[in-house]
Amino acid sequence: MKEIKVFSESLEDDFKTKLTKIIHDFDIYDGGVGDRNVIKIIELDSLKLNIKAFKIPNAINKIVYNFFRKSKAQRSFEYAKKLLELGVGTPKPMAYFECKSLFSFKKSFYVSEQLDCDMTYRELTKDFTIPNYDNILRAFTRFTYALHEKGIHFLDHSPGNTLIKKNGDHYDFYLVDLNRMNFGPLDLETRIKNFARLTIHKSMVEVMSDEYAKCTGEDYKKIFNLMWYETEVFQEKFHRKKRLKKKLKIKK
């Protein structure tokens, strides 16, 4: 990957040089999670780094990312900085790397400081016996409301993308997987639709609807009916897509 370029703002040259070597040698490091995109936790100068390698794009996107659109790594880096400026939790952004040739885009990497958490939102969808469960879910709902009030539309608002860390008697939330976001005012329908990917459990939707209604001053039934409708619509699309993929595999 001779065409690697590193982009950062505050890294010292020695650290940047070492980090660039890690990116060059990324594939030889053990561990890693993910199929399409691979995340590895690698230590450098006693600092744990979370390094996300985005998959090589298809032929069309190689051209798009090279000339017309910011890479997923660049967007992740820039959105992380913007979130922090807006007072929203996310692991500290360190740098991003892009591997390009003259006419084609190859691969990109986003580097952030590893943030160890107590759980993710996903655990809330699987274990209803978690201590302070109701309080955590309501706090998460208020966190999402705060995002909306700040004009942040997190398009990948899904169970694995919010880290939860207990801080004394309250909870802090941190967004990850940041490359898809929009910024600007959100109408009520867009806000409620933002909850659609989070859970299949009606009981959770009832709690989140109740708390979001309290935040907005809207009628609970109105919020719940819209949130549950959007949840069901998303689930139908999700399972339809899975069925289609299964059929295509059988035909092959």
C-alpha atoms as a PDB file:
ATOM      1  CA  MET A   1       0.000   0.000   0.000  1.00  0.00           C
ATOM      2  CA  LYS A   2       2.541   2.567  -1.175  1.00  0.00           C
ATOM      3  CA  GLU A   3      -0.043   5.301  -1.677  1.00  0.00           C
ATOM      4  CA  ILE A   4      -1.049   5.565   2.003  1.00  0.00           C
ATOM      5  CA  LYS A   5      -1.663   9.103   3.214  1.00  0.00           C
ATOM      6  CA  VAL A   6      -2.277   9.992   6.843  1.00  0.00           C
ATOM      7  CA  PHE A   7      -4.514  12.843   7.938  1.00  0.00           C
ATOM      8  CA  SER A   8      -4.453  14.124  11.499  1.00  0.00           C
ATOM      9  CA  GLU A   9      -4.131  17.442  13.293  1.00  0.00           C
ATOM     10  CA  SER A  10      -2.326  17.028  16.580  1.00  0.00           C
ATOM     11  CA  LEU A  11      -0.232  13.859  16.406  1.00  0.00           C
ATOM     12  CA  GLU A  12       3.494  14.174  16.993  1.00  0.00           C
ATOM     13  CA  ASP A  13       5.684  13.137  14.066  1.00  0.00           C
ATOM     14  CA  ASP A  14       7.181  10.126  15.860  1.00  0.00           C
ATOM     15  CA  PHE A  15       3.749   8.802  16.840  1.00  0.00           C
ATOM     16  CA  LYS A  16       2.435   9.443  13.337  1.00  0.00           C
ATOM     17  CA  THR A  17       5.350   7.501  11.813  1.00  0.00           C
ATOM     18  CA  LYS A  18       4.730   4.526  14.110  1.00  0.00           C
ATOM     19  CA  LEU A  19       1.001   4.642  13.425  1.00  0.00           C
ATOM     20  CA  THR A  20       1.586   4.721   9.670  1.00  0.00           C
ATOM     21  CA  LYS A  21       3.720   1.575   9.980  1.00  0.00           C
ATOM     22  CA  ILE A  22       0.894  -0.141  11.869  1.00  0.00           C
ATOM     23  CA  ILE A  23      -1.483   0.709   9.022  1.00  0.00           C
ATOM     24  CA  HIS A  24       1.018  -0.694   6.496  1.00  0.00           C
ATOM     25  CA  ASP A  25       1.239  -3.904   8.539  1.00  0.00           C
ATOM     26  CA  PHE A  26      -2.441  -4.003   9.557  1.00  0.00           C
ATOM     27  CA  ASP A  27      -3.152  -7.409   8.026  1.00  0.00           C
ATOM     28  CA  ILE A  28      -0.431  -9.186  10.006  1.00  0.00           C
ATOM     29  CA  TYR A  29      -1.807  -8.137  13.404  1.00  0.00           C
ATOM     30  CA  ASP A  30      -3.806 -10.838  15.189  1.00  0.00           C
ATOM     31  CA  GLY A  31      -7.423 -10.489  16.201  1.00  0.00           C
ATOM     32  CA  GLY A  32      -9.982  -8.330  14.532  1.00  0.00           C
ATOM     33  CA  VAL A  33     -13.758  -8.360  14.384  1.00  0.00           C
ATOM     34  CA  GLY A  34     -16.070  -7.769  11.450  1.00  0.00           C
ATOM     35  CA  ASP A  35     -16.637  -9.220   8.010  1.00  0.00           C
ATOM     36  CA  ARG A  36     -16.986  -6.301   5.607  1.00  0.00           C
ATOM     37  CA  ASN A  37     -15.053  -3.856   7.761  1.00  0.00           C
ATOM     38  CA  VAL A  38     -12.432  -5.086  10.227  1.00  0.00           C
ATOM     39  CA  ILE A  39     -11.702  -3.533  13.631  1.00  0.00           C
ATOM     40  CA  LYS A  40      -8.528  -4.282  15.569  1.00  0.00           C
ATOM     41  CA  ILE A  41      -7.420  -2.979  18.965  1.00  0.00           C
ATOM     42  CA  ILE A  42      -3.688  -2.236  18.755  1.00  0.00           C
ATOM     43  CA  GLU A  43      -1.514  -0.689  21.449  1.00  0.00           C
ATOM     44  CA  LEU A  44       0.961   2.064  20.561  1.00  0.00           C
ATOM     45  CA  ASP A  45       3.089   3.870  23.172  1.00  0.00           C
ATOM     46  CA  SER A  46       0.843   2.553  25.984  1.00  0.00           C
ATOM     47  CA  LEU A  47      -2.242   3.904  24.198  1.00  0.00           C
ATOM     48  CA  LYS A  48      -4.972   1.512  23.040  1.00  0.00           C
ATOM     49  CA  LEU A  49      -6.085   2.370  19.522  1.00  0.00           C
ATOM     50  CA  ASN A  50      -9.268   1.264  17.791  1.00  0.00           C
ATOM     51  CA  ILE A  51      -8.409   0.903  14.095  1.00  0.00           C
ATOM     52  CA  LYS A  52     -11.207   0.313  11.610  1.00  0.00           C
ATOM     53  CA  ALA A  53     -10.262  -0.857   8.132  1.00  0.00           C
ATOM     54  CA  PHE A  54     -13.047  -0.208   5.643  1.00  0.00           C
ATOM     55  CA  LYS A  55     -13.405  -2.775   2.910  1.00  0.00           C
ATOM     56  CA  ILE A  56     -12.123  -2.023  -0.581  1.00  0.00           C
ATOM     57  CA  PRO A  57     -15.060  -0.425  -2.451  1.00  0.00           C
ATOM     58  CA  ASN A  58     -16.547  -1.788  -5.657  1.00  0.00           C
ATOM     59  CA  ALA A  59     -15.349  -0.593  -9.057  1.00  0.00           C
ATOM     60  CA  ILE A  60     -17.761   2.354  -9.256  1.00  0.00           C
ATOM     61  CA  ASN A  61     -17.118   3.554  -5.691  1.00  0.00           C
ATOM     62  CA  LYS A  62     -13.367   3.355  -6.239  1.00  0.00           C
ATOM     63  CA  ILE A  63     -13.812   6.227  -8.675  1.00  0.00           C
ATOM     64  CA  VAL A  64     -16.453   7.996  -6.575  1.00  0.00           C
ATOM     65  CA  TYR A  65     -14.290   8.025  -3.427  1.00  0.00           C
ATOM     66  CA  ASN A  66     -11.205   9.018  -5.384  1.00  0.00           C
ATOM     67  CA  PHE A  67     -12.701  12.081  -7.058  1.00  0.00           C
ATOM     68  CA  PHE A  68     -16.201  12.991  -5.861  1.00  0.00           C
ATOM     69  CA  ARG A  69     -16.976  11.896  -2.330  1.00  0.00           C
ATOM     70  CA  LYS A  70     -15.207  11.818   1.020  1.00  0.00           C
ATOM     71  CA  SER A  71     -14.124   8.368   2.138  1.00  0.00           C
ATOM     72  CA  LYS A  72     -15.882   6.611   5.004  1.00  0.00           C
ATOM     73  CA  ALA A  73     -12.738   7.070   7.092  1.00  0.00           C
ATOM     74  CA  GLN A  74     -12.614  10.815   6.443  1.00  0.00           C
ATOM     75  CA  ARG A  75     -16.291  11.220   7.245  1.00  0.00           C
ATOM     76  CA  SER A  76     -15.866   9.196  10.459  1.00  0.00           C
ATOM     77  CA  PHE A  77     -12.962  11.416  11.528  1.00  0.00           C
ATOM     78  CA  GLU A  78     -14.703  14.691  10.695  1.00  0.00           C
ATOM     79  CA  TYR A  79     -18.050  13.655  12.193  1.00  0.00           C
ATOM     80  CA  ALA A  80     -16.300  12.552  15.411  1.00  0.00           C
ATOM     81  CA  LYS A  81     -14.734  15.993  15.747  1.00  0.00           C
ATOM     82  CA  LYS A  82     -18.081  17.651  15.056  1.00  0.00           C
ATOM     83  CA  LEU A  83     -19.835  15.496  17.657  1.00  0.00           C
ATOM     84  CA  LEU A  84     -17.260  16.425  20.287  1.00  0.00           C
ATOM     85  CA  GLU A  85     -17.649  20.108  19.400  1.00  0.00           C
ATOM     86  CA  LEU A  86     -21.400  19.701  19.942  1.00  0.00           C
ATOM     87  CA  GLY A  87     -20.857  18.033  23.302  1.00  0.00           C
ATOM     88  CA  VAL A  88     -21.778  14.520  22.179  1.00  0.00           C
ATOM     89  CA  GLY A  89     -19.768  11.523  23.348  1.00  0.00           C
ATOM     90  CA  THR A  90     -17.680   9.496  20.901  1.00  0.00           C
ATOM     91  CA  PRO A  91     -14.226   7.879  21.188  1.00  0.00           C
ATOM     92  CA  LYS A  92     -11.478  10.451  20.626  1.00  0.00           C
ATOM     93  CA  PRO A  93     -10.596  10.687  16.900  1.00  0.00           C
ATOM     94  CA  MET A  94      -6.862  10.294  16.223  1.00  0.00           C
ATOM     95  CA  ALA A  95      -6.370  10.094  12.445  1.00  0.00           C
ATOM     96  CA  TYR A  96      -7.591   8.598   9.199  1.00  0.00           C
ATOM     97  CA  PHE A  97      -5.644   6.991   6.377  1.00  0.00           C
ATOM     98  CA  GLU A  98      -6.428   6.639   2.690  1.00  0.00           C
ATOM     99  CA  CYS A  99      -4.794   4.313   0.173  1.00  0.00           C
ATOM    100  CA  LYS A 100      -5.103   5.689  -3.344  1.00  0.00           C
ATOM    101  CA  SER A 101      -3.587   5.361  -6.762  1.00  0.00           C
ATOM    102  CA  LEU A 102      -3.761   8.118  -9.352  1.00  0.00           C
ATOM    103  CA  PHE A 103      -7.136   7.011 -10.711  1.00  0.00           C
ATOM    104  CA  SER A 104      -8.574   4.651  -8.097  1.00  0.00           C
ATOM    105  CA  PHE A 105      -9.405   4.467  -4.405  1.00  0.00           C
ATOM    106  CA  LYS A 106      -8.284   1.344  -2.568  1.00  0.00           C
ATOM    107  CA  LYS A 107      -8.804   1.296   1.193  1.00  0.00           C
ATOM    108  CA  SER A 108      -9.277   3.607   4.153  1.00  0.00           C
ATOM    109  CA  PHE A 109      -8.730   3.386   7.908  1.00  0.00           C
ATOM    110  CA  TYR A 110     -10.205   5.334  10.803  1.00  0.00           C
ATOM    111  CA  VAL A 111      -8.211   5.488  14.040  1.00  0.00           C
ATOM    112  CA  SER A 112      -9.717   6.472  17.382  1.00  0.00           C
ATOM    113  CA  GLU A 113      -8.758   5.989  20.990  1.00  0.00           C
ATOM    114  CA  GLN A 114     -10.191   2.747  22.352  1.00  0.00           C
ATOM    115  CA  LEU A 115     -13.028   3.406  24.780  1.00  0.00           C
ATOM    116  CA  ASP A 116     -13.910   0.547  27.119  1.00  0.00           C
ATOM    117  CA  CYS A 117     -17.593   0.550  28.042  1.00  0.00           C
ATOM    118  CA  ASP A 118     -19.878  -1.300  30.431  1.00  0.00           C
ATOM    119  CA  MET A 119     -22.320  -2.327  27.699  1.00  0.00           C
ATOM    120  CA  THR A 120     -23.852  -1.299  24.400  1.00  0.00           C
ATOM    121  CA  TYR A 121     -27.500  -0.672  23.646  1.00  0.00           C
ATOM    122  CA  ARG A 122     -27.562  -4.191  22.164  1.00  0.00           C
ATOM    123  CA  GLU A 123     -27.368  -5.705  25.667  1.00  0.00           C
ATOM    124  CA  LEU A 124     -30.568  -3.867  26.564  1.00  0.00           C
ATOM    125  CA  THR A 125     -32.365  -5.763  23.773  1.00  0.00           C
ATOM    126  CA  LYS A 126     -31.225  -9.129  25.148  1.00  0.00           C
ATOM    127  CA  ASP A 127     -31.115  -8.880  28.938  1.00  0.00           C
ATOM    128  CA  PHE A 128     -34.060  -7.261  30.700  1.00  0.00           C
ATOM    129  CA  THR A 129     -32.580  -8.037  34.137  1.00  0.00           C
ATOM    130  CA  ILE A 130     -29.744  -5.490  33.829  1.00  0.00           C
ATOM    131  CA  PRO A 131     -29.709  -3.353  37.019  1.00  0.00           C
ATOM    132  CA  ASN A 132     -31.406   0.046  36.535  1.00  0.00           C
ATOM    133  CA  TYR A 133     -32.702  -1.191  33.185  1.00  0.00           C
ATOM    134  CA  ASP A 134     -35.576   1.282  32.947  1.00  0.00           C
ATOM    135  CA  ASN A 135     -33.360   4.209  33.964  1.00  0.00           C
ATOM    136  CA  ILE A 136     -30.740   3.312  31.347  1.00  0.00           C
ATOM    137  CA  LEU A 137     -33.301   2.997  28.570  1.00  0.00           C
ATOM    138  CA  ARG A 138     -34.902   6.305  29.495  1.00  0.00           C
ATOM    139  CA  ALA A 139     -31.476   7.983  29.719  1.00  0.00           C
ATOM    140  CA  PHE A 140     -30.663   6.624  26.255  1.00  0.00           C
ATOM    141  CA  THR A 141     -33.930   8.095  24.964  1.00  0.00           C
ATOM    142  CA  ARG A 142     -33.042  11.497  26.428  1.00  0.00           C
ATOM    143  CA  PHE A 143     -29.604  11.180  24.834  1.00  0.00           C
ATOM    144  CA  THR A 144     -31.246  10.556  21.454  1.00  0.00           C
ATOM    145  CA  TYR A 145     -33.561  13.524  22.009  1.00  0.00           C
ATOM    146  CA  ALA A 146     -30.480  15.677  22.732  1.00  0.00           C
ATOM    147  CA  LEU A 147     -28.943  14.526  19.444  1.00  0.00           C
ATOM    148  CA  HIS A 148     -32.084  15.564  17.605  1.00  0.00           C
ATOM    149  CA  GLU A 149     -32.221  18.923  19.362  1.00  0.00           C
ATOM    150  CA  LYS A 150     -28.630  19.564  18.231  1.00  0.00           C
ATOM    151  CA  GLY A 151     -29.567  18.743  14.632  1.00  0.00           C
ATOM    152  CA  ILE A 152     -27.731  15.408  14.546  1.00  0.00           C
ATOM    153  CA  HIS A 153     -29.352  12.701  12.450  1.00  0.00           C
ATOM    154  CA  PHE A 154     -27.343   9.536  13.146  1.00  0.00           C
ATOM    155  CA  LEU A 155     -28.348   7.322  10.235  1.00  0.00           C
ATOM    156  CA  ASP A 156     -26.787   4.174  11.747  1.00  0.00           C
ATOM    157  CA  HIS A 157     -28.643   4.477  15.060  1.00  0.00           C
ATOM    158  CA  SER A 158     -28.667   0.711  15.623  1.00  0.00           C
ATOM    159  CA  PRO A 159     -28.110  -1.537  18.694  1.00  0.00           C
ATOM    160  CA  GLY A 160     -24.322  -1.920  18.441  1.00  0.00           C
ATOM    161  CA  ASN A 161     -23.496   1.700  17.730  1.00  0.00           C
ATOM    162  CA  THR A 162     -24.054   3.299  21.138  1.00  0.00           C
ATOM    163  CA  LEU A 163     -21.591   2.498  23.917  1.00  0.00           C
ATOM    164  CA  ILE A 164     -22.857   2.906  27.483  1.00  0.00           C
ATOM    165  CA  LYS A 165     -20.591   3.715  30.415  1.00  0.00           C
ATOM    166  CA  LYS A 166     -21.727   4.000  34.030  1.00  0.00           C
ATOM    167  CA  ASN A 167     -20.518   7.214  35.626  1.00  0.00           C
ATOM    168  CA  GLY A 168     -21.440   7.365  39.304  1.00  0.00           C
ATOM    169  CA  ASP A 169     -25.216   7.276  39.517  1.00  0.00           C
ATOM    170  CA  HIS A 170     -25.807   8.167  35.871  1.00  0.00           C
ATOM    171  CA  TYR A 171     -24.852   6.877  32.419  1.00  0.00           C
ATOM    172  CA  ASP A 172     -22.808   8.353  29.586  1.00  0.00           C
ATOM    173  CA  PHE A 173     -23.396   7.439  25.935  1.00  0.00           C
ATOM    174  CA  TYR A 174     -20.895   7.360  23.068  1.00  0.00           C
ATOM    175  CA  LEU A 175     -21.640   6.984  19.362  1.00  0.00           C
ATOM    176  CA  VAL A 176     -19.500   4.770  17.108  1.00  0.00           C
ATOM    177  CA  ASP A 177     -19.635   3.790  13.421  1.00  0.00           C
ATOM    178  CA  LEU A 178     -19.985   7.404  12.419  1.00  0.00           C
ATOM    179  CA  ASN A 179     -19.627   7.574   8.646  1.00  0.00           C
ATOM    180  CA  ARG A 180     -23.349   8.135   7.926  1.00  0.00           C
ATOM    181  CA  MET A 181     -24.758  11.324   9.447  1.00  0.00           C
ATOM    182  CA  ASN A 182     -26.771  14.344   8.436  1.00  0.00           C
ATOM    183  CA  PHE A 183     -26.851  17.665  10.246  1.00  0.00           C
ATOM    184  CA  GLY A 184     -29.725  20.115  10.351  1.00  0.00           C
ATOM    185  CA  PRO A 185     -33.231  20.539  11.816  1.00  0.00           C
ATOM    186  CA  LEU A 186     -35.268  17.321  12.148  1.00  0.00           C
ATOM    187  CA  ASP A 187     -39.043  17.154  11.946  1.00  0.00           C
ATOM    188  CA  LEU A 188     -40.953  14.894  14.346  1.00  0.00           C
ATOM    189  CA  GLU A 189     -41.439  12.062  11.841  1.00  0.00           C
ATOM    190  CA  THR A 190     -37.704  11.921  11.058  1.00  0.00           C
ATOM    191  CA  ARG A 191     -36.874  11.970  14.769  1.00  0.00           C
ATOM    192  CA  ILE A 192     -39.177   9.061  15.575  1.00  0.00           C
ATOM    193  CA  LYS A 193     -38.099   7.086  12.517  1.00  0.00           C
ATOM    194  CA  ASN A 194     -34.554   7.340  13.915  1.00  0.00           C
ATOM    195  CA  PHE A 195     -35.602   4.803  16.600  1.00  0.00           C
ATOM    196  CA  ALA A 196     -36.805   2.212  14.062  1.00  0.00           C
ATOM    197  CA  ARG A 197     -33.648   0.073  13.925  1.00  0.00           C
ATOM    198  CA  LEU A 198     -33.074  -0.207  17.660  1.00  0.00           C
ATOM    199  CA  THR A 199     -35.307  -3.041  18.857  1.00  0.00           C
ATOM    200  CA  ILE A 200     -38.006  -5.537  17.969  1.00  0.00           C
ATOM    201  CA  HIS A 201     -39.454  -5.452  21.500  1.00  0.00           C
ATOM    202  CA  LYS A 202     -42.708  -3.595  21.947  1.00  0.00           C
ATOM    203  CA  SER A 203     -42.033  -3.094  25.671  1.00  0.00           C
ATOM    204  CA  MET A 204     -38.856  -1.128  24.853  1.00  0.00           C
ATOM    205  CA  VAL A 205     -40.692   0.985  22.293  1.00  0.00           C
ATOM    206  CA  GLU A 206     -43.335   1.764  24.924  1.00  0.00           C
ATOM    207  CA  VAL A 207     -40.701   3.035  27.370  1.00  0.00           C
ATOM    208  CA  MET A 208     -38.804   5.045  24.731  1.00  0.00           C
ATOM    209  CA  SER A 209     -42.069   6.523  23.433  1.00  0.00           C
ATOM    210  CA  ASP A 210     -43.090   7.533  26.935  1.00  0.00           C
ATOM    211  CA  GLU A 211     -39.749   9.228  27.630  1.00  0.00           C
ATOM    212  CA  TYR A 212     -39.561  10.917  24.214  1.00  0.00           C
ATOM    213  CA  ALA A 213     -43.107  12.206  24.667  1.00  0.00           C
ATOM    214  CA  LYS A 214     -42.038  13.726  27.994  1.00  0.00           C
ATOM    215  CA  CYS A 215     -39.028  15.352  26.314  1.00  0.00           C
ATOM    216  CA  THR A 216     -41.053  16.841  23.460  1.00  0.00           C
ATOM    217  CA  GLY A 217     -44.359  17.540  25.175  1.00  0.00           C
ATOM    218  CA  GLU A 218     -46.111  15.492  22.491  1.00  0.00           C
ATOM    219  CA  ASP A 219     -48.931  13.028  23.184  1.00  0.00           C
ATOM    220  CA  TYR A 220     -47.647   9.584  24.221  1.00  0.00           C
ATOM    221  CA  LYS A 221     -50.068   7.673  21.982  1.00  0.00           C
ATOM    222  CA  LYS A 222     -49.017   9.736  18.974  1.00  0.00           C
ATOM    223  CA  ILE A 223     -45.320   9.048  19.634  1.00  0.00           C
ATOM    224  CA  PHE A 224     -45.851   5.357  20.375  1.00  0.00           C
ATOM    225  CA  ASN A 225     -48.038   4.710  17.321  1.00  0.00           C
ATOM    226  CA  LEU A 226     -45.491   6.371  15.037  1.00  0.00           C
ATOM    227  CA  MET A 227     -42.475   4.697  16.669  1.00  0.00           C
ATOM    228  CA  TRP A 228     -44.031   1.227  16.595  1.00  0.00           C
ATOM    229  CA  TYR A 229     -45.191   1.705  13.007  1.00  0.00           C
ATOM    230  CA  GLU A 230     -41.674   2.710  11.893  1.00  0.00           C
ATOM    231  CA  THR A 231     -40.216  -0.243  13.827  1.00  0.00           C
ATOM    232  CA  GLU A 232     -42.541  -2.691  12.065  1.00  0.00           C
ATOM    233  CA  VAL A 233     -41.838  -1.136   8.658  1.00  0.00           C
ATOM    234  CA  PHE A 234     -38.088  -1.467   9.194  1.00  0.00           C
ATOM    235  CA  GLN A 235     -38.405  -5.072  10.384  1.00  0.00           C
ATOM    236  CA  GLU A 236     -40.484  -5.991   7.340  1.00  0.00           C
ATOM    237  CA  LYS A 237     -37.919  -4.460   4.993  1.00  0.00           C
ATOM    238  CA  PHE A 238     -35.073  -6.140   6.879  1.00  0.00           C
ATOM    239  CA  HIS A 239     -36.606  -9.620   6.698  1.00  0.00           C
ATOM    240  CA  ARG A 240     -37.708  -9.143   3.086  1.00  0.00           C
ATOM    241  CA  LYS A 241     -34.109  -8.338   2.203  1.00  0.00           C
ATOM    242  CA  LYS A 242     -32.882 -11.437   4.069  1.00  0.00           C
ATOM    243  CA  ARG A 243     -35.377 -13.638   2.234  1.00  0.00           C
ATOM    244  CA  LEU A 244     -34.288 -12.193  -1.101  1.00  0.00           C
ATOM    245  CA  LYS A 245     -30.611 -12.811  -0.337  1.00  0.00           C
ATOM    246  CA  LYS A 246     -31.425 -16.388   0.662  1.00  0.00           C
ATOM    247  CA  LYS A 247     -33.298 -16.985  -2.606  1.00  0.00           C
ATOM    248  CA  LEU A 248     -30.434 -15.566  -4.641  1.00  0.00           C
ATOM    249  CA  LYS A 249     -27.960 -17.859  -2.855  1.00  0.00           C
ATOM    250  CA  ILE A 250     -30.146 -20.908  -3.571  1.00  0.00           C
ATOM    251  CA  LYS A 251     -30.360 -19.992  -7.272  1.00  0.00           C
ATOM    252  CA  LYS A 252     -26.565 -19.727  -7.454  1.00  0.00           C
END
